[in-house]
Amino acid sequence: MNLPNPAELLPQMAGALINHLNQRQISQPRFIGIRTGGVWVAQALMECLGNREPLGILDVSFYRDDFTQNGLHPQVQPSELPFEIEGQHLVLVDDVLMSGRTIRAAMNELFDYGRPASITLVCLLDLNARDLPVRPDVVGATLSLATDQRIKLSATTPLTLELQTLAN
């Protein structure tokens, strides 16, 4: 399988995001990346847009509905939101949308900080494997993987994608 190149997807995503925000008459959105891959994508996207505003960072580990089954990630870090959530138009960025559970957890956490005016969801990849009815407003590419495959985003410059096969 040939994976898309994030460096080619990001400018297209930036254009699609500008169109989406303009249609909704949103002029000053606040960007929030979901740790870790979503933060990398958000940073790259903001660079494409020339946006120098502070980036919010969410670590949704405690908000996931499956952390009792999967355990807590050993590198849980606090979320960093350098701006108010209440009444803001948010652009929530993640690297890979799979089940939708990470996005649900992110929205639960955001609402604990306040009620945003809107949330625009941006994902580098949509894997078409949702358990929950979550769809990105802006997506770089849509892929379908075998059940034992995953995509890993690396924070190299430029960002790179790697196809991984899970061990049985």
C-alpha atoms as a PDB file:
ATOM      1  CA  MET A   1       0.000   0.000   0.000  1.00  0.00           C
ATOM      2  CA  ASN A   2       1.333   3.420  -0.919  1.00  0.00           C
ATOM      3  CA  LEU A   3       0.782   5.837   1.928  1.00  0.00           C
ATOM      4  CA  PRO A   4       0.091   9.494   1.188  1.00  0.00           C
ATOM      5  CA  ASN A   5       2.793  12.057   1.827  1.00  0.00           C
ATOM      6  CA  PRO A   6       1.805  14.422   4.687  1.00  0.00           C
ATOM      7  CA  ALA A   7       3.868  17.222   3.104  1.00  0.00           C
ATOM      8  CA  GLU A   8       1.541  17.049   0.085  1.00  0.00           C
ATOM      9  CA  LEU A   9      -1.646  16.680   2.150  1.00  0.00           C
ATOM     10  CA  LEU A  10      -1.059  19.617   4.508  1.00  0.00           C
ATOM     11  CA  PRO A  11      -1.325  22.473   1.958  1.00  0.00           C
ATOM     12  CA  GLN A  12      -4.533  20.909   0.573  1.00  0.00           C
ATOM     13  CA  MET A  13      -5.898  20.592   4.100  1.00  0.00           C
ATOM     14  CA  ALA A  14      -4.995  24.228   4.838  1.00  0.00           C
ATOM     15  CA  GLY A  15      -6.956  25.360   1.785  1.00  0.00           C
ATOM     16  CA  ALA A  16      -9.947  23.190   2.701  1.00  0.00           C
ATOM     17  CA  LEU A  17      -9.842  24.505   6.283  1.00  0.00           C
ATOM     18  CA  ILE A  18      -9.794  28.127   5.103  1.00  0.00           C
ATOM     19  CA  ASN A  19     -12.828  27.413   2.908  1.00  0.00           C
ATOM     20  CA  HIS A  20     -14.653  25.664   5.751  1.00  0.00           C
ATOM     21  CA  LEU A  21     -13.980  28.499   8.210  1.00  0.00           C
ATOM     22  CA  ASN A  22     -14.949  31.169   5.667  1.00  0.00           C
ATOM     23  CA  GLN A  23     -18.245  29.397   4.928  1.00  0.00           C
ATOM     24  CA  ARG A  24     -19.007  29.383   8.656  1.00  0.00           C
ATOM     25  CA  GLN A  25     -17.795  33.004   9.020  1.00  0.00           C
ATOM     26  CA  ILE A  26     -15.145  32.046  11.569  1.00  0.00           C
ATOM     27  CA  SER A  27     -12.264  34.510  11.530  1.00  0.00           C
ATOM     28  CA  GLN A  28     -10.207  33.748  14.649  1.00  0.00           C
ATOM     29  CA  PRO A  29     -10.269  30.046  15.449  1.00  0.00           C
ATOM     30  CA  ARG A  30      -8.203  28.569  18.264  1.00  0.00           C
ATOM     31  CA  PHE A  31      -6.170  25.494  17.337  1.00  0.00           C
ATOM     32  CA  ILE A  32      -5.914  22.472  19.627  1.00  0.00           C
ATOM     33  CA  GLY A  33      -3.861  19.365  18.842  1.00  0.00           C
ATOM     34  CA  ILE A  34      -4.464  15.975  20.433  1.00  0.00           C
ATOM     35  CA  ARG A  35      -1.223  14.638  21.876  1.00  0.00           C
ATOM     36  CA  THR A  36       0.988  13.525  20.211  1.00  0.00           C
ATOM     37  CA  GLY A  37       0.350  13.131  16.495  1.00  0.00           C
ATOM     38  CA  GLY A  38      -2.437  15.699  16.432  1.00  0.00           C
ATOM     39  CA  VAL A  39      -0.066  18.267  17.928  1.00  0.00           C
ATOM     40  CA  TRP A  40       2.470  17.619  15.153  1.00  0.00           C
ATOM     41  CA  VAL A  41      -0.213  17.918  12.467  1.00  0.00           C
ATOM     42  CA  ALA A  42      -1.638  21.076  14.080  1.00  0.00           C
ATOM     43  CA  GLN A  43       1.812  22.680  14.200  1.00  0.00           C
ATOM     44  CA  ALA A  44       2.458  21.867  10.536  1.00  0.00           C
ATOM     45  CA  LEU A  45      -1.019  23.067   9.531  1.00  0.00           C
ATOM     46  CA  MET A  46      -0.631  26.321  11.456  1.00  0.00           C
ATOM     47  CA  GLU A  47       2.717  26.844   9.743  1.00  0.00           C
ATOM     48  CA  CYS A  48       1.027  26.377   6.336  1.00  0.00           C
ATOM     49  CA  LEU A  49      -1.576  28.968   7.355  1.00  0.00           C
ATOM     50  CA  GLY A  50       0.969  31.418   8.762  1.00  0.00           C
ATOM     51  CA  ASN A  51      -0.856  31.229  12.100  1.00  0.00           C
ATOM     52  CA  ARG A  52       1.362  32.260  15.007  1.00  0.00           C
ATOM     53  CA  GLU A  53      -1.274  32.052  17.752  1.00  0.00           C
ATOM     54  CA  PRO A  54      -0.645  29.741  20.709  1.00  0.00           C
ATOM     55  CA  LEU A  55      -1.528  26.091  20.181  1.00  0.00           C
ATOM     56  CA  GLY A  56      -3.608  24.232  22.739  1.00  0.00           C
ATOM     57  CA  ILE A  57      -2.575  20.652  23.550  1.00  0.00           C
ATOM     58  CA  LEU A  58      -4.907  17.947  24.852  1.00  0.00           C
ATOM     59  CA  ASP A  59      -3.881  14.692  26.476  1.00  0.00           C
ATOM     60  CA  VAL A  60      -7.135  12.724  26.543  1.00  0.00           C
ATOM     61  CA  SER A  61      -5.773   9.671  28.393  1.00  0.00           C
ATOM     62  CA  PHE A  62      -8.056  10.075  31.424  1.00  0.00           C
ATOM     63  CA  TYR A  63     -11.093  10.770  29.225  1.00  0.00           C
ATOM     64  CA  ARG A  64     -10.907   7.628  27.095  1.00  0.00           C
ATOM     65  CA  ASP A  65     -13.652   5.081  27.685  1.00  0.00           C
ATOM     66  CA  ASP A  66     -11.211   2.208  27.165  1.00  0.00           C
ATOM     67  CA  PHE A  67      -8.313   3.137  29.451  1.00  0.00           C
ATOM     68  CA  THR A  68      -9.488   0.632  32.082  1.00  0.00           C
ATOM     69  CA  GLN A  69      -9.154  -2.106  29.440  1.00  0.00           C
ATOM     70  CA  ASN A  70      -5.947  -0.887  27.817  1.00  0.00           C
ATOM     71  CA  GLY A  71      -4.303   0.699  30.836  1.00  0.00           C
ATOM     72  CA  LEU A  72      -2.956   4.196  31.119  1.00  0.00           C
ATOM     73  CA  HIS A  73      -0.224   5.277  28.739  1.00  0.00           C
ATOM     74  CA  PRO A  74       3.030   5.577  30.732  1.00  0.00           C
ATOM     75  CA  GLN A  75       3.729   9.078  29.383  1.00  0.00           C
ATOM     76  CA  VAL A  76       0.498  10.861  30.323  1.00  0.00           C
ATOM     77  CA  GLN A  77       1.072  14.607  30.414  1.00  0.00           C
ATOM     78  CA  PRO A  78      -1.241  17.435  31.411  1.00  0.00           C
ATOM     79  CA  SER A  79      -3.264  19.244  28.793  1.00  0.00           C
ATOM     80  CA  GLU A  80      -2.146  22.789  28.000  1.00  0.00           C
ATOM     81  CA  LEU A  81      -4.835  25.255  26.969  1.00  0.00           C
ATOM     82  CA  PRO A  82      -3.328  28.775  26.849  1.00  0.00           C
ATOM     83  CA  PHE A  83      -6.700  30.381  26.047  1.00  0.00           C
ATOM     84  CA  GLU A  84     -10.310  30.258  27.151  1.00  0.00           C
ATOM     85  CA  ILE A  85     -12.539  27.537  25.676  1.00  0.00           C
ATOM     86  CA  GLU A  86     -15.838  29.232  26.527  1.00  0.00           C
ATOM     87  CA  GLY A  87     -17.362  30.830  23.439  1.00  0.00           C
ATOM     88  CA  GLN A  88     -14.364  30.107  21.196  1.00  0.00           C
ATOM     89  CA  HIS A  89     -14.382  28.595  17.716  1.00  0.00           C
ATOM     90  CA  LEU A  90     -12.005  25.648  18.018  1.00  0.00           C
ATOM     91  CA  VAL A  91     -10.108  23.690  15.377  1.00  0.00           C
ATOM     92  CA  LEU A  92      -9.471  20.266  16.910  1.00  0.00           C
ATOM     93  CA  VAL A  93      -6.659  18.415  15.123  1.00  0.00           C
ATOM     94  CA  ASP A  94      -5.758  14.727  15.245  1.00  0.00           C
ATOM     95  CA  ASP A  95      -3.456  12.628  13.094  1.00  0.00           C
ATOM     96  CA  VAL A  96      -5.533   9.484  12.486  1.00  0.00           C
ATOM     97  CA  LEU A  97      -9.282   9.041  12.930  1.00  0.00           C
ATOM     98  CA  MET A  98     -10.046   5.392  13.521  1.00  0.00           C
ATOM     99  CA  SER A  99     -12.766   4.419  16.021  1.00  0.00           C
ATOM    100  CA  GLY A 100     -13.802   7.967  16.966  1.00  0.00           C
ATOM    101  CA  ARG A 101     -13.141   7.309  20.657  1.00  0.00           C
ATOM    102  CA  THR A 102     -10.191   9.709  20.886  1.00  0.00           C
ATOM    103  CA  ILE A 103     -12.292  12.525  19.400  1.00  0.00           C
ATOM    104  CA  ARG A 104     -15.161  11.764  21.791  1.00  0.00           C
ATOM    105  CA  ALA A 105     -12.701  11.871  24.696  1.00  0.00           C
ATOM    106  CA  ALA A 106     -11.247  15.166  23.428  1.00  0.00           C
ATOM    107  CA  MET A 107     -14.676  16.788  23.214  1.00  0.00           C
ATOM    108  CA  ASN A 108     -15.562  15.559  26.721  1.00  0.00           C
ATOM    109  CA  GLU A 109     -12.380  17.140  28.057  1.00  0.00           C
ATOM    110  CA  LEU A 110     -12.931  20.408  26.175  1.00  0.00           C
ATOM    111  CA  PHE A 111     -16.431  20.752  27.609  1.00  0.00           C
ATOM    112  CA  ASP A 112     -14.970  20.389  31.110  1.00  0.00           C
ATOM    113  CA  TYR A 113     -13.114  23.658  30.374  1.00  0.00           C
ATOM    114  CA  GLY A 114     -16.139  25.485  28.967  1.00  0.00           C
ATOM    115  CA  ARG A 115     -18.677  25.524  26.156  1.00  0.00           C
ATOM    116  CA  PRO A 116     -17.031  26.341  22.815  1.00  0.00           C
ATOM    117  CA  ALA A 117     -19.008  28.202  20.144  1.00  0.00           C
ATOM    118  CA  SER A 118     -18.037  25.480  17.646  1.00  0.00           C
ATOM    119  CA  ILE A 119     -15.565  22.677  17.034  1.00  0.00           C
ATOM    120  CA  THR A 120     -14.136  21.978  13.584  1.00  0.00           C
ATOM    121  CA  LEU A 121     -12.510  18.553  13.344  1.00  0.00           C
ATOM    122  CA  VAL A 122      -9.398  18.206  11.182  1.00  0.00           C
ATOM    123  CA  CYS A 123      -7.661  14.831  10.668  1.00  0.00           C
ATOM    124  CA  LEU A 124      -4.669  13.958   8.532  1.00  0.00           C
ATOM    125  CA  LEU A 125      -6.081  10.473   7.848  1.00  0.00           C
ATOM    126  CA  ASP A 126      -9.514   8.893   8.166  1.00  0.00           C
ATOM    127  CA  LEU A 127      -9.270   5.091   8.353  1.00  0.00           C
ATOM    128  CA  ASN A 128     -12.994   4.437   7.830  1.00  0.00           C
ATOM    129  CA  ALA A 129     -13.138   2.186  10.902  1.00  0.00           C
ATOM    130  CA  ARG A 130     -15.431   4.130  13.221  1.00  0.00           C
ATOM    131  CA  ASP A 131     -17.306   2.754  16.211  1.00  0.00           C
ATOM    132  CA  LEU A 132     -18.814   6.191  16.890  1.00  0.00           C
ATOM    133  CA  PRO A 133     -20.522   8.645  14.493  1.00  0.00           C
ATOM    134  CA  VAL A 134     -17.580  11.038  14.200  1.00  0.00           C
ATOM    135  CA  ARG A 135     -16.594  12.566  10.850  1.00  0.00           C
ATOM    136  CA  PRO A 136     -13.862  15.134  10.154  1.00  0.00           C
ATOM    137  CA  ASP A 137     -14.772  18.472   8.596  1.00  0.00           C
ATOM    138  CA  VAL A 138     -11.375  18.524   6.882  1.00  0.00           C
ATOM    139  CA  VAL A 139      -9.384  15.387   6.071  1.00  0.00           C
ATOM    140  CA  GLY A 140      -6.125  14.855   4.216  1.00  0.00           C
ATOM    141  CA  ALA A 141      -6.848  11.332   2.924  1.00  0.00           C
ATOM    142  CA  THR A 142      -9.161   8.396   3.577  1.00  0.00           C
ATOM    143  CA  LEU A 143      -7.718   4.885   3.745  1.00  0.00           C
ATOM    144  CA  SER A 144      -9.027   1.417   4.509  1.00  0.00           C
ATOM    145  CA  LEU A 145      -6.690  -0.931   6.347  1.00  0.00           C
ATOM    146  CA  ALA A 146      -6.769  -4.606   7.257  1.00  0.00           C
ATOM    147  CA  THR A 147      -7.798  -5.221  10.881  1.00  0.00           C
ATOM    148  CA  ASP A 148      -4.193  -6.006  11.879  1.00  0.00           C
ATOM    149  CA  GLN A 149      -2.755  -2.824  10.332  1.00  0.00           C
ATOM    150  CA  ARG A 150      -2.159   0.591  11.864  1.00  0.00           C
ATOM    151  CA  ILE A 151      -0.634   3.849  10.698  1.00  0.00           C
ATOM    152  CA  LYS A 152       2.113   5.552  12.694  1.00  0.00           C
ATOM    153  CA  LEU A 153       2.994   9.200  12.207  1.00  0.00           C
ATOM    154  CA  SER A 154       6.594  10.207  12.896  1.00  0.00           C
ATOM    155  CA  ALA A 155       7.552  13.679  14.037  1.00  0.00           C
ATOM    156  CA  THR A 156      10.432  13.879  11.629  1.00  0.00           C
ATOM    157  CA  THR A 157      10.672  16.966   9.470  1.00  0.00           C
ATOM    158  CA  PRO A 158       8.813  16.590   7.238  1.00  0.00           C
ATOM    159  CA  LEU A 159       6.167  14.390   8.898  1.00  0.00           C
ATOM    160  CA  THR A 160       6.152  10.798   7.640  1.00  0.00           C
ATOM    161  CA  LEU A 161       3.685   7.911   7.774  1.00  0.00           C
ATOM    162  CA  GLU A 162       4.530   4.261   8.346  1.00  0.00           C
ATOM    163  CA  LEU A 163       2.286   1.229   7.897  1.00  0.00           C
ATOM    164  CA  GLN A 164       2.589  -1.222  10.805  1.00  0.00           C
ATOM    165  CA  THR A 165       1.247  -4.756  11.237  1.00  0.00           C
ATOM    166  CA  LEU A 166       0.165  -5.786  14.719  1.00  0.00           C
ATOM    167  CA  ALA A 167       1.652  -8.938  16.212  1.00  0.00           C
ATOM    168  CA  ASN A 168      -0.806 -11.718  17.015  1.00  0.00           C
END
